[in-house]
Amino acid sequence: MFLDEHFSEKPDQPFFAYVALGAVHIPHSPPNHYLDGQPVADEYPNGHLDMLHEMDMVVGSLVSMIETRGVANDTIIIFASDNGGLRYTPGIPHRPSGPLRGKKGEIWEGGHRIPFIMRHDGVFPANEQRDHVVGLNDLYATLCDILEIEIPHLSAQDSVSFADYILSQNSTEKLRKSLALFDYKKSALQADALRRGNLKLVRFMNKNARVELYDVKNDISESVDLSKDPSYQDTIQEMTKELQSLGPCPEDVNGFFPIHNSVLDVTFNTSCQFFERKPWKCDNFLEGELNCNSLCGRHKRVCVNSYS
């Protein structure tokens, strides 16, 4: 096993373990017994719940291994899902997403709001909760911040550290102000959404084109659409503009912007005309994609399919 080998061969070196558990993925085929002999299959009303039970055992085993080796004070443990839950099955006394609307892969809260737990004994406060919005993409910057690692130039474009917020719920000044979400199917953007404060703006594309607005703090099930309320019209316009800029099809930047030549270690100002004249430069400078989407964007096909 990885941990046994690591502590045997490299006990003084740090380790990283990414454990992807496919427990909730179909087909649900729970084993008869766990590694220690505990029963798994047919312990709950369906295979999905049996697999969740086994996942709980696996997580418990991994945490126990960290604890018994005496490295809990030196190990950051992160537990999270990468998607929302499955659709509710009638007759089964379990709702995978609780009161949240939608299921895995959908733009609603049930499609992407997830459980998220972090533990670092002696460092992170125990038995505390946080309620500010963060994304899994924020882990990159957060872990770099905790480990005092400098983020490479132009890396982690959509990652915002919440390291200070882990330590104190009052440290909110560096947190992200909004979070964008995107629903792709068949090379087209079906829907996107922006969470900002208590509000969540949802846009649907093409033949189902429409905008909806929800107060997800007071309406967690997204049942009351506020988009027709006159008092929210300016907010909807602002959020729509921000969502467009964060998505795969932002408008090109007018005027000049800086780009960095890492080979020569120099920074200079240019415009989208530079990439129009020399389109092969799009492969050399990420700034081309960030500022000149119509010329350098990797999602140009998506943009045509989504907005035409």
C-alpha atoms as a PDB file:
ATOM      1  CA  MET A   1       0.000   0.000   0.000  1.00  0.00           C
ATOM      2  CA  PHE A   2       1.172   3.526  -0.799  1.00  0.00           C
ATOM      3  CA  LEU A   3       1.301   4.810   2.780  1.00  0.00           C
ATOM      4  CA  ASP A   4       3.120   1.696   4.027  1.00  0.00           C
ATOM      5  CA  GLU A   5       5.728   2.024   1.274  1.00  0.00           C
ATOM      6  CA  HIS A   6       6.122   5.752   1.847  1.00  0.00           C
ATOM      7  CA  PHE A   7       6.676   5.532   5.592  1.00  0.00           C
ATOM      8  CA  SER A   8       8.988   2.584   5.102  1.00  0.00           C
ATOM      9  CA  GLU A   9      11.133   4.045   2.330  1.00  0.00           C
ATOM     10  CA  LYS A  10      10.754   7.831   2.680  1.00  0.00           C
ATOM     11  CA  PRO A  11       9.578   8.544   6.232  1.00  0.00           C
ATOM     12  CA  ASP A  12      11.065  12.057   6.327  1.00  0.00           C
ATOM     13  CA  GLN A  13       9.637  13.222   2.999  1.00  0.00           C
ATOM     14  CA  PRO A  14       6.187  14.737   2.411  1.00  0.00           C
ATOM     15  CA  PHE A  15       3.563  12.775   0.499  1.00  0.00           C
ATOM     16  CA  PHE A  16       0.490  13.532  -1.573  1.00  0.00           C
ATOM     17  CA  ALA A  17      -2.333  11.044  -2.054  1.00  0.00           C
ATOM     18  CA  TYR A  18      -5.279  11.721  -4.347  1.00  0.00           C
ATOM     19  CA  VAL A  19      -7.923   9.113  -3.604  1.00  0.00           C
ATOM     20  CA  ALA A  20     -10.776   9.139  -6.125  1.00  0.00           C
ATOM     21  CA  LEU A  21     -13.617   6.969  -4.821  1.00  0.00           C
ATOM     22  CA  GLY A  22     -16.170   5.959  -7.440  1.00  0.00           C
ATOM     23  CA  ALA A  23     -18.670   4.793  -4.860  1.00  0.00           C
ATOM     24  CA  VAL A  24     -21.712   6.697  -6.097  1.00  0.00           C
ATOM     25  CA  HIS A  25     -21.155   5.992  -9.804  1.00  0.00           C
ATOM     26  CA  ILE A  26     -23.414   3.491 -11.510  1.00  0.00           C
ATOM     27  CA  PRO A  27     -23.571   0.566 -11.713  1.00  0.00           C
ATOM     28  CA  HIS A  28     -23.836   0.260  -7.936  1.00  0.00           C
ATOM     29  CA  SER A  29     -22.225  -3.055  -7.091  1.00  0.00           C
ATOM     30  CA  PRO A  30     -21.414  -3.167  -3.372  1.00  0.00           C
ATOM     31  CA  PRO A  31     -19.138  -5.977  -2.173  1.00  0.00           C
ATOM     32  CA  ASN A  32     -20.475  -8.513   0.265  1.00  0.00           C
ATOM     33  CA  HIS A  33     -17.941  -7.495   2.900  1.00  0.00           C
ATOM     34  CA  TYR A  34     -15.426  -4.767   3.634  1.00  0.00           C
ATOM     35  CA  LEU A  35     -11.706  -5.486   4.095  1.00  0.00           C
ATOM     36  CA  ASP A  36     -12.185  -6.163   7.803  1.00  0.00           C
ATOM     37  CA  GLY A  37     -15.151  -8.459   7.271  1.00  0.00           C
ATOM     38  CA  GLN A  38     -17.951  -5.999   8.024  1.00  0.00           C
ATOM     39  CA  PRO A  39     -21.017  -6.592   5.808  1.00  0.00           C
ATOM     40  CA  VAL A  40     -21.673  -4.057   3.031  1.00  0.00           C
ATOM     41  CA  ALA A  41     -24.167  -5.401   0.477  1.00  0.00           C
ATOM     42  CA  ASP A  42     -27.873  -5.363   1.380  1.00  0.00           C
ATOM     43  CA  GLU A  43     -27.332  -3.368   4.546  1.00  0.00           C
ATOM     44  CA  TYR A  44     -29.390  -0.459   3.171  1.00  0.00           C
ATOM     45  CA  PRO A  45     -32.459  -0.121   0.895  1.00  0.00           C
ATOM     46  CA  ASN A  46     -30.443   0.007  -2.363  1.00  0.00           C
ATOM     47  CA  GLY A  47     -26.973  -0.462  -3.794  1.00  0.00           C
ATOM     48  CA  HIS A  48     -26.312   3.271  -3.896  1.00  0.00           C
ATOM     49  CA  LEU A  49     -26.623   3.561  -0.129  1.00  0.00           C
ATOM     50  CA  ASP A  50     -24.559   0.418   0.410  1.00  0.00           C
ATOM     51  CA  MET A  51     -21.793   2.014  -1.659  1.00  0.00           C
ATOM     52  CA  LEU A  52     -21.993   5.199   0.393  1.00  0.00           C
ATOM     53  CA  HIS A  53     -21.636   3.030   3.484  1.00  0.00           C
ATOM     54  CA  GLU A  54     -18.520   1.430   2.034  1.00  0.00           C
ATOM     55  CA  MET A  55     -17.130   4.867   1.114  1.00  0.00           C
ATOM     56  CA  ASP A  56     -17.529   5.929   4.730  1.00  0.00           C
ATOM     57  CA  MET A  57     -15.535   2.864   5.778  1.00  0.00           C
ATOM     58  CA  VAL A  58     -12.770   3.662   3.279  1.00  0.00           C
ATOM     59  CA  VAL A  59     -12.474   7.261   4.452  1.00  0.00           C
ATOM     60  CA  GLY A  60     -12.405   6.082   8.061  1.00  0.00           C
ATOM     61  CA  SER A  61      -9.627   3.609   7.260  1.00  0.00           C
ATOM     62  CA  LEU A  62      -7.513   6.270   5.536  1.00  0.00           C
ATOM     63  CA  VAL A  63      -7.903   8.722   8.406  1.00  0.00           C
ATOM     64  CA  SER A  64      -7.058   5.978  10.919  1.00  0.00           C
ATOM     65  CA  MET A  65      -3.860   5.214   9.012  1.00  0.00           C
ATOM     66  CA  ILE A  66      -2.813   8.854   9.302  1.00  0.00           C
ATOM     67  CA  GLU A  67      -3.641   8.926  12.994  1.00  0.00           C
ATOM     68  CA  THR A  68      -1.949   5.647  13.929  1.00  0.00           C
ATOM     69  CA  ARG A  69       1.244   6.744  12.196  1.00  0.00           C
ATOM     70  CA  GLY A  70       1.297   9.896  14.302  1.00  0.00           C
ATOM     71  CA  VAL A  71       1.314  12.343  11.380  1.00  0.00           C
ATOM     72  CA  ALA A  72      -2.136  13.941  11.787  1.00  0.00           C
ATOM     73  CA  ASN A  73      -0.460  17.174  12.898  1.00  0.00           C
ATOM     74  CA  ASP A  74       1.582  17.217   9.678  1.00  0.00           C
ATOM     75  CA  THR A  75      -1.151  16.154   7.245  1.00  0.00           C
ATOM     76  CA  ILE A  76      -3.909  18.165   5.587  1.00  0.00           C
ATOM     77  CA  ILE A  77      -6.926  15.931   4.965  1.00  0.00           C
ATOM     78  CA  ILE A  78      -9.514  17.127   2.455  1.00  0.00           C
ATOM     79  CA  PHE A  79     -12.822  15.370   1.815  1.00  0.00           C
ATOM     80  CA  ALA A  80     -15.012  16.596  -1.039  1.00  0.00           C
ATOM     81  CA  SER A  81     -17.193  15.520  -3.933  1.00  0.00           C
ATOM     82  CA  ASP A  82     -16.658  16.664  -7.516  1.00  0.00           C
ATOM     83  CA  ASN A  83     -20.383  16.864  -8.361  1.00  0.00           C
ATOM     84  CA  GLY A  84     -23.805  17.066  -6.818  1.00  0.00           C
ATOM     85  CA  GLY A  85     -25.808  13.990  -5.883  1.00  0.00           C
ATOM     86  CA  LEU A  86     -27.929  11.589  -7.906  1.00  0.00           C
ATOM     87  CA  ARG A  87     -31.598  12.150  -8.585  1.00  0.00           C
ATOM     88  CA  TYR A  88     -33.987  11.197  -5.789  1.00  0.00           C
ATOM     89  CA  THR A  89     -35.353   7.655  -6.061  1.00  0.00           C
ATOM     90  CA  PRO A  90     -39.021   7.421  -5.007  1.00  0.00           C
ATOM     91  CA  GLY A  91     -39.591   4.988  -2.175  1.00  0.00           C
ATOM     92  CA  ILE A  92     -36.017   5.252  -0.869  1.00  0.00           C
ATOM     93  CA  PRO A  93     -35.709   7.170   2.427  1.00  0.00           C
ATOM     94  CA  HIS A  94     -32.696   9.163   1.278  1.00  0.00           C
ATOM     95  CA  ARG A  95     -32.405  12.375  -0.738  1.00  0.00           C
ATOM     96  CA  PRO A  96     -28.853  12.600  -2.167  1.00  0.00           C
ATOM     97  CA  SER A  97     -28.999  16.396  -2.411  1.00  0.00           C
ATOM     98  CA  GLY A  98     -31.372  17.104   0.455  1.00  0.00           C
ATOM     99  CA  PRO A  99     -33.470  20.210  -0.278  1.00  0.00           C
ATOM    100  CA  LEU A 100     -31.324  21.282  -3.229  1.00  0.00           C
ATOM    101  CA  ARG A 101     -32.899  21.464  -6.688  1.00  0.00           C
ATOM    102  CA  GLY A 102     -31.507  19.327  -9.491  1.00  0.00           C
ATOM    103  CA  LYS A 103     -28.963  16.529  -9.702  1.00  0.00           C
ATOM    104  CA  LYS A 104     -25.375  15.908 -10.707  1.00  0.00           C
ATOM    105  CA  GLY A 105     -24.317  17.823 -13.808  1.00  0.00           C
ATOM    106  CA  GLU A 106     -27.149  20.358 -13.755  1.00  0.00           C
ATOM    107  CA  ILE A 107     -26.812  24.103 -13.248  1.00  0.00           C
ATOM    108  CA  TRP A 108     -28.997  24.049 -10.134  1.00  0.00           C
ATOM    109  CA  GLU A 109     -27.510  23.861  -6.629  1.00  0.00           C
ATOM    110  CA  GLY A 110     -28.113  20.114  -6.499  1.00  0.00           C
ATOM    111  CA  GLY A 111     -25.785  19.764  -9.479  1.00  0.00           C
ATOM    112  CA  HIS A 112     -22.678  21.271  -7.959  1.00  0.00           C
ATOM    113  CA  ARG A 113     -23.016  22.221  -4.282  1.00  0.00           C
ATOM    114  CA  ILE A 114     -20.985  19.626  -2.415  1.00  0.00           C
ATOM    115  CA  PRO A 115     -19.816  18.508   1.036  1.00  0.00           C
ATOM    116  CA  PHE A 116     -16.360  19.882   1.800  1.00  0.00           C
ATOM    117  CA  ILE A 117     -14.309  19.109   4.911  1.00  0.00           C
ATOM    118  CA  MET A 118     -10.719  20.058   5.747  1.00  0.00           C
ATOM    119  CA  ARG A 119      -8.686  18.851   8.708  1.00  0.00           C
ATOM    120  CA  HIS A 120      -5.194  19.686   9.934  1.00  0.00           C
ATOM    121  CA  ASP A 121      -4.793  18.781  13.594  1.00  0.00           C
ATOM    122  CA  GLY A 122      -3.269  21.514  15.698  1.00  0.00           C
ATOM    123  CA  VAL A 123      -3.577  24.057  12.879  1.00  0.00           C
ATOM    124  CA  PHE A 124      -7.150  24.261  11.564  1.00  0.00           C
ATOM    125  CA  PRO A 125      -9.891  25.017  14.125  1.00  0.00           C
ATOM    126  CA  ALA A 126     -11.841  21.861  14.982  1.00  0.00           C
ATOM    127  CA  ASN A 127     -15.642  21.527  14.821  1.00  0.00           C
ATOM    128  CA  GLU A 128     -16.163  24.870  13.067  1.00  0.00           C
ATOM    129  CA  GLN A 129     -18.150  25.711   9.951  1.00  0.00           C
ATOM    130  CA  ARG A 130     -17.756  28.343   7.241  1.00  0.00           C
ATOM    131  CA  ASP A 131     -20.535  29.649   4.992  1.00  0.00           C
ATOM    132  CA  HIS A 132     -18.779  31.775   2.374  1.00  0.00           C
ATOM    133  CA  VAL A 133     -18.752  30.423  -1.181  1.00  0.00           C
ATOM    134  CA  VAL A 134     -15.545  28.748  -2.355  1.00  0.00           C
ATOM    135  CA  GLY A 135     -14.861  26.457  -5.302  1.00  0.00           C
ATOM    136  CA  LEU A 136     -12.737  23.349  -5.701  1.00  0.00           C
ATOM    137  CA  ASN A 137     -10.645  25.423  -8.106  1.00  0.00           C
ATOM    138  CA  ASP A 138      -9.679  27.557  -5.099  1.00  0.00           C
ATOM    139  CA  LEU A 139      -7.779  24.656  -3.529  1.00  0.00           C
ATOM    140  CA  TYR A 140      -4.792  25.287  -5.808  1.00  0.00           C
ATOM    141  CA  ALA A 141      -4.160  28.808  -4.521  1.00  0.00           C
ATOM    142  CA  THR A 142      -5.149  27.874  -0.968  1.00  0.00           C
ATOM    143  CA  LEU A 143      -2.669  25.021  -0.645  1.00  0.00           C
ATOM    144  CA  CYS A 144       0.080  27.108  -2.244  1.00  0.00           C
ATOM    145  CA  ASP A 145      -0.709  29.812   0.303  1.00  0.00           C
ATOM    146  CA  ILE A 146      -0.579  27.384   3.234  1.00  0.00           C
ATOM    147  CA  LEU A 147       2.684  25.846   2.032  1.00  0.00           C
ATOM    148  CA  GLU A 148       4.168  29.246   1.117  1.00  0.00           C
ATOM    149  CA  ILE A 149       4.667  28.219  -2.509  1.00  0.00           C
ATOM    150  CA  GLU A 150       4.745  30.986  -5.094  1.00  0.00           C
ATOM    151  CA  ILE A 151       2.167  30.446  -7.840  1.00  0.00           C
ATOM    152  CA  PRO A 152       3.792  30.469 -11.302  1.00  0.00           C
ATOM    153  CA  HIS A 153       3.063  33.404 -13.588  1.00  0.00           C
ATOM    154  CA  LEU A 154      -0.378  33.138 -15.228  1.00  0.00           C
ATOM    155  CA  SER A 155      -1.145  29.890 -13.407  1.00  0.00           C
ATOM    156  CA  ALA A 156      -4.287  29.461 -11.275  1.00  0.00           C
ATOM    157  CA  GLN A 157      -6.253  32.068 -13.217  1.00  0.00           C
ATOM    158  CA  ASP A 158      -9.528  31.087 -11.531  1.00  0.00           C
ATOM    159  CA  SER A 159      -8.168  30.115  -8.107  1.00  0.00           C
ATOM    160  CA  VAL A 160      -8.584  32.334  -5.031  1.00  0.00           C
ATOM    161  CA  SER A 161      -6.974  31.398  -1.716  1.00  0.00           C
ATOM    162  CA  PHE A 162      -9.199  30.951   1.327  1.00  0.00           C
ATOM    163  CA  ALA A 163      -6.312  29.972   3.629  1.00  0.00           C
ATOM    164  CA  ASP A 164      -6.916  32.827   6.075  1.00  0.00           C
ATOM    165  CA  TYR A 165     -10.642  32.053   6.164  1.00  0.00           C
ATOM    166  CA  ILE A 166      -9.903  28.501   7.318  1.00  0.00           C
ATOM    167  CA  LEU A 167      -8.187  29.870  10.398  1.00  0.00           C
ATOM    168  CA  SER A 168     -10.768  32.565  11.169  1.00  0.00           C
ATOM    169  CA  GLN A 169     -14.327  33.065   9.944  1.00  0.00           C
ATOM    170  CA  ASN A 170     -13.719  36.820  10.223  1.00  0.00           C
ATOM    171  CA  SER A 171     -10.952  36.785   7.596  1.00  0.00           C
ATOM    172  CA  THR A 172     -13.155  37.364   4.556  1.00  0.00           C
ATOM    173  CA  GLU A 173     -11.414  40.271   2.820  1.00  0.00           C
ATOM    174  CA  LYS A 174      -9.375  38.070   0.435  1.00  0.00           C
ATOM    175  CA  LEU A 175     -12.193  35.686  -0.493  1.00  0.00           C
ATOM    176  CA  ARG A 176     -13.711  35.532  -3.944  1.00  0.00           C
ATOM    177  CA  LYS A 177     -16.674  37.840  -4.470  1.00  0.00           C
ATOM    178  CA  SER A 178     -18.415  35.569  -6.958  1.00  0.00           C
ATOM    179  CA  LEU A 179     -18.289  32.094  -8.491  1.00  0.00           C
ATOM    180  CA  ALA A 180     -19.248  31.151 -12.053  1.00  0.00           C
ATOM    181  CA  LEU A 181     -20.582  27.750 -13.167  1.00  0.00           C
ATOM    182  CA  PHE A 182     -20.955  26.273 -16.651  1.00  0.00           C
ATOM    183  CA  ASP A 183     -23.034  23.406 -18.043  1.00  0.00           C
ATOM    184  CA  TYR A 184     -21.615  21.959 -21.291  1.00  0.00           C
ATOM    185  CA  LYS A 185     -23.257  19.302 -23.415  1.00  0.00           C
ATOM    186  CA  LYS A 186     -22.355  18.217 -26.962  1.00  0.00           C
ATOM    187  CA  SER A 187     -19.773  20.971 -27.532  1.00  0.00           C
ATOM    188  CA  ALA A 188     -22.182  23.716 -26.554  1.00  0.00           C
ATOM    189  CA  LEU A 189     -22.848  25.734 -23.454  1.00  0.00           C
ATOM    190  CA  GLN A 190     -26.337  24.775 -22.310  1.00  0.00           C
ATOM    191  CA  ALA A 191     -26.468  27.043 -19.278  1.00  0.00           C
ATOM    192  CA  ASP A 192     -24.275  29.072 -16.976  1.00  0.00           C
ATOM    193  CA  ALA A 193     -24.701  30.691 -13.580  1.00  0.00           C
ATOM    194  CA  LEU A 194     -23.098  33.240 -11.296  1.00  0.00           C
ATOM    195  CA  ARG A 195     -23.265  33.169  -7.517  1.00  0.00           C
ATOM    196  CA  ARG A 196     -22.616  36.563  -5.930  1.00  0.00           C
ATOM    197  CA  GLY A 197     -23.517  37.118  -2.304  1.00  0.00           C
ATOM    198  CA  ASN A 198     -26.934  35.617  -1.629  1.00  0.00           C
ATOM    199  CA  LEU A 199     -27.971  35.825  -5.280  1.00  0.00           C
ATOM    200  CA  LYS A 200     -27.559  33.307  -8.065  1.00  0.00           C
ATOM    201  CA  LEU A 201     -28.136  34.260 -11.704  1.00  0.00           C
ATOM    202  CA  VAL A 202     -28.922  31.415 -14.116  1.00  0.00           C
ATOM    203  CA  ARG A 203     -28.861  31.728 -17.928  1.00  0.00           C
ATOM    204  CA  PHE A 204     -30.116  29.155 -20.417  1.00  0.00           C
ATOM    205  CA  MET A 205     -28.919  29.257 -24.033  1.00  0.00           C
ATOM    206  CA  ASN A 206     -30.334  28.891 -27.525  1.00  0.00           C
ATOM    207  CA  LYS A 207     -33.948  27.699 -27.883  1.00  0.00           C
ATOM    208  CA  ASN A 208     -34.435  27.696 -24.114  1.00  0.00           C
ATOM    209  CA  ALA A 209     -32.845  31.135 -23.719  1.00  0.00           C
ATOM    210  CA  ARG A 210     -33.954  32.847 -20.528  1.00  0.00           C
ATOM    211  CA  VAL A 211     -32.580  34.343 -17.331  1.00  0.00           C
ATOM    212  CA  GLU A 212     -33.594  33.429 -13.795  1.00  0.00           C
ATOM    213  CA  LEU A 213     -32.532  34.862 -10.435  1.00  0.00           C
ATOM    214  CA  TYR A 214     -32.676  33.253  -6.992  1.00  0.00           C
ATOM    215  CA  ASP A 215     -31.850  34.223  -3.435  1.00  0.00           C
ATOM    216  CA  VAL A 216     -30.185  30.951  -2.476  1.00  0.00           C
ATOM    217  CA  LYS A 217     -29.631  31.943   1.141  1.00  0.00           C
ATOM    218  CA  ASN A 218     -33.342  32.337   1.814  1.00  0.00           C
ATOM    219  CA  ASP A 219     -34.530  30.015  -0.978  1.00  0.00           C
ATOM    220  CA  ILE A 220     -32.029  27.151  -1.046  1.00  0.00           C
ATOM    221  CA  SER A 221     -34.332  25.059  -3.257  1.00  0.00           C
ATOM    222  CA  GLU A 222     -34.351  27.741  -6.000  1.00  0.00           C
ATOM    223  CA  SER A 223     -38.136  27.788  -6.122  1.00  0.00           C
ATOM    224  CA  VAL A 224     -38.866  31.539  -6.375  1.00  0.00           C
ATOM    225  CA  ASP A 225     -37.597  33.244  -9.541  1.00  0.00           C
ATOM    226  CA  LEU A 226     -36.852  36.937  -8.863  1.00  0.00           C
ATOM    227  CA  SER A 227     -35.886  37.850 -12.421  1.00  0.00           C
ATOM    228  CA  LYS A 228     -39.122  39.727 -13.114  1.00  0.00           C
ATOM    229  CA  ASP A 229     -38.855  41.858  -9.985  1.00  0.00           C
ATOM    230  CA  PRO A 230     -38.100  45.469 -11.101  1.00  0.00           C
ATOM    231  CA  SER A 231     -35.839  46.052  -8.106  1.00  0.00           C
ATOM    232  CA  TYR A 232     -33.353  43.447  -9.365  1.00  0.00           C
ATOM    233  CA  GLN A 233     -33.006  44.565 -12.995  1.00  0.00           C
ATOM    234  CA  ASP A 234     -29.776  46.535 -12.536  1.00  0.00           C
ATOM    235  CA  THR A 235     -28.296  43.672 -10.530  1.00  0.00           C
ATOM    236  CA  ILE A 236     -29.207  41.195 -13.268  1.00  0.00           C
ATOM    237  CA  GLN A 237     -27.456  43.336 -15.876  1.00  0.00           C
ATOM    238  CA  GLU A 238     -24.321  43.636 -13.736  1.00  0.00           C
ATOM    239  CA  MET A 239     -24.211  39.916 -12.989  1.00  0.00           C
ATOM    240  CA  THR A 240     -24.836  39.025 -16.640  1.00  0.00           C
ATOM    241  CA  LYS A 241     -21.920  41.186 -17.720  1.00  0.00           C
ATOM    242  CA  GLU A 242     -19.639  39.600 -15.123  1.00  0.00           C
ATOM    243  CA  LEU A 243     -20.758  36.087 -16.060  1.00  0.00           C
ATOM    244  CA  GLN A 244     -20.054  36.762 -19.735  1.00  0.00           C
ATOM    245  CA  SER A 245     -16.543  37.958 -18.931  1.00  0.00           C
ATOM    246  CA  LEU A 246     -15.786  34.863 -16.843  1.00  0.00           C
ATOM    247  CA  GLY A 247     -17.151  32.347 -19.347  1.00  0.00           C
ATOM    248  CA  PRO A 248     -15.650  30.671 -22.426  1.00  0.00           C
ATOM    249  CA  CYS A 249     -16.790  33.467 -24.760  1.00  0.00           C
ATOM    250  CA  PRO A 250     -15.697  36.836 -23.315  1.00  0.00           C
ATOM    251  CA  GLU A 251     -15.546  39.898 -25.524  1.00  0.00           C
ATOM    252  CA  ASP A 252     -12.136  40.936 -26.826  1.00  0.00           C
ATOM    253  CA  VAL A 253     -10.314  43.588 -24.839  1.00  0.00           C
ATOM    254  CA  ASN A 254     -10.146  46.994 -26.509  1.00  0.00           C
ATOM    255  CA  GLY A 255      -6.823  48.784 -26.351  1.00  0.00           C
ATOM    256  CA  PHE A 256      -3.526  47.622 -24.945  1.00  0.00           C
ATOM    257  CA  PHE A 257      -2.704  45.050 -22.268  1.00  0.00           C
ATOM    258  CA  PRO A 258       0.588  43.627 -20.918  1.00  0.00           C
ATOM    259  CA  ILE A 259       1.995  40.261 -21.967  1.00  0.00           C
ATOM    260  CA  HIS A 260       5.054  38.542 -20.573  1.00  0.00           C
ATOM    261  CA  ASN A 261       7.751  36.820 -22.606  1.00  0.00           C
ATOM    262  CA  SER A 262       9.036  34.153 -20.229  1.00  0.00           C
ATOM    263  CA  VAL A 263      11.972  33.270 -22.493  1.00  0.00           C
ATOM    264  CA  LEU A 264      13.382  36.806 -22.464  1.00  0.00           C
ATOM    265  CA  ASP A 265      11.797  37.626 -19.090  1.00  0.00           C
ATOM    266  CA  VAL A 266      10.383  40.882 -20.380  1.00  0.00           C
ATOM    267  CA  THR A 267       6.885  42.382 -20.287  1.00  0.00           C
ATOM    268  CA  PHE A 268       5.494  44.609 -23.006  1.00  0.00           C
ATOM    269  CA  ASN A 269       2.147  46.119 -23.983  1.00  0.00           C
ATOM    270  CA  THR A 270       0.247  44.982 -27.042  1.00  0.00           C
ATOM    271  CA  SER A 271      -3.295  44.628 -28.388  1.00  0.00           C
ATOM    272  CA  CYS A 272      -5.429  42.017 -30.121  1.00  0.00           C
ATOM    273  CA  GLN A 273      -4.068  43.275 -33.448  1.00  0.00           C
ATOM    274  CA  PHE A 274      -0.769  41.626 -32.516  1.00  0.00           C
ATOM    275  CA  PHE A 275      -2.471  38.213 -32.438  1.00  0.00           C
ATOM    276  CA  GLU A 276      -4.521  38.999 -35.530  1.00  0.00           C
ATOM    277  CA  ARG A 277      -1.319  39.647 -37.477  1.00  0.00           C
ATOM    278  CA  LYS A 278       0.529  36.721 -35.911  1.00  0.00           C
ATOM    279  CA  PRO A 279      -2.074  34.064 -34.963  1.00  0.00           C
ATOM    280  CA  TRP A 280       0.628  31.501 -34.152  1.00  0.00           C
ATOM    281  CA  LYS A 281       1.554  33.683 -31.177  1.00  0.00           C
ATOM    282  CA  CYS A 282      -1.660  32.540 -29.506  1.00  0.00           C
ATOM    283  CA  ASP A 283       0.170  29.328 -28.613  1.00  0.00           C
ATOM    284  CA  ASN A 284       3.004  31.262 -26.970  1.00  0.00           C
ATOM    285  CA  PHE A 285       1.071  33.711 -24.823  1.00  0.00           C
ATOM    286  CA  LEU A 286      -1.846  32.813 -22.566  1.00  0.00           C
ATOM    287  CA  GLU A 287      -2.656  36.531 -22.495  1.00  0.00           C
ATOM    288  CA  GLY A 288      -3.895  36.109 -26.067  1.00  0.00           C
ATOM    289  CA  GLU A 289      -6.652  33.741 -24.972  1.00  0.00           C
ATOM    290  CA  LEU A 290      -7.467  35.792 -21.890  1.00  0.00           C
ATOM    291  CA  ASN A 291      -7.845  39.058 -23.802  1.00  0.00           C
ATOM    292  CA  CYS A 292      -8.559  38.143 -27.429  1.00  0.00           C
ATOM    293  CA  ASN A 293     -11.036  35.281 -27.325  1.00  0.00           C
ATOM    294  CA  SER A 294     -12.263  35.659 -30.908  1.00  0.00           C
ATOM    295  CA  LEU A 295      -8.701  35.128 -32.151  1.00  0.00           C
ATOM    296  CA  CYS A 296      -7.048  32.863 -29.585  1.00  0.00           C
ATOM    297  CA  GLY A 297      -9.895  31.303 -27.619  1.00  0.00           C
ATOM    298  CA  ARG A 298      -9.825  27.515 -27.351  1.00  0.00           C
ATOM    299  CA  HIS A 299     -13.616  27.433 -27.101  1.00  0.00           C
ATOM    300  CA  LYS A 300     -14.504  29.221 -30.333  1.00  0.00           C
ATOM    301  CA  ARG A 301     -16.607  26.265 -31.504  1.00  0.00           C
ATOM    302  CA  VAL A 302     -18.479  26.302 -28.196  1.00  0.00           C
ATOM    303  CA  CYS A 303     -19.129  30.016 -28.599  1.00  0.00           C
ATOM    304  CA  VAL A 304     -20.606  29.542 -32.058  1.00  0.00           C
ATOM    305  CA  ASN A 305     -22.791  26.631 -30.922  1.00  0.00           C
ATOM    306  CA  SER A 306     -23.946  28.427 -27.791  1.00  0.00           C
ATOM    307  CA  TYR A 307     -24.693  31.933 -28.991  1.00  0.00           C
ATOM    308  CA  SER A 308     -25.651  31.528 -32.650  1.00  0.00           C
END
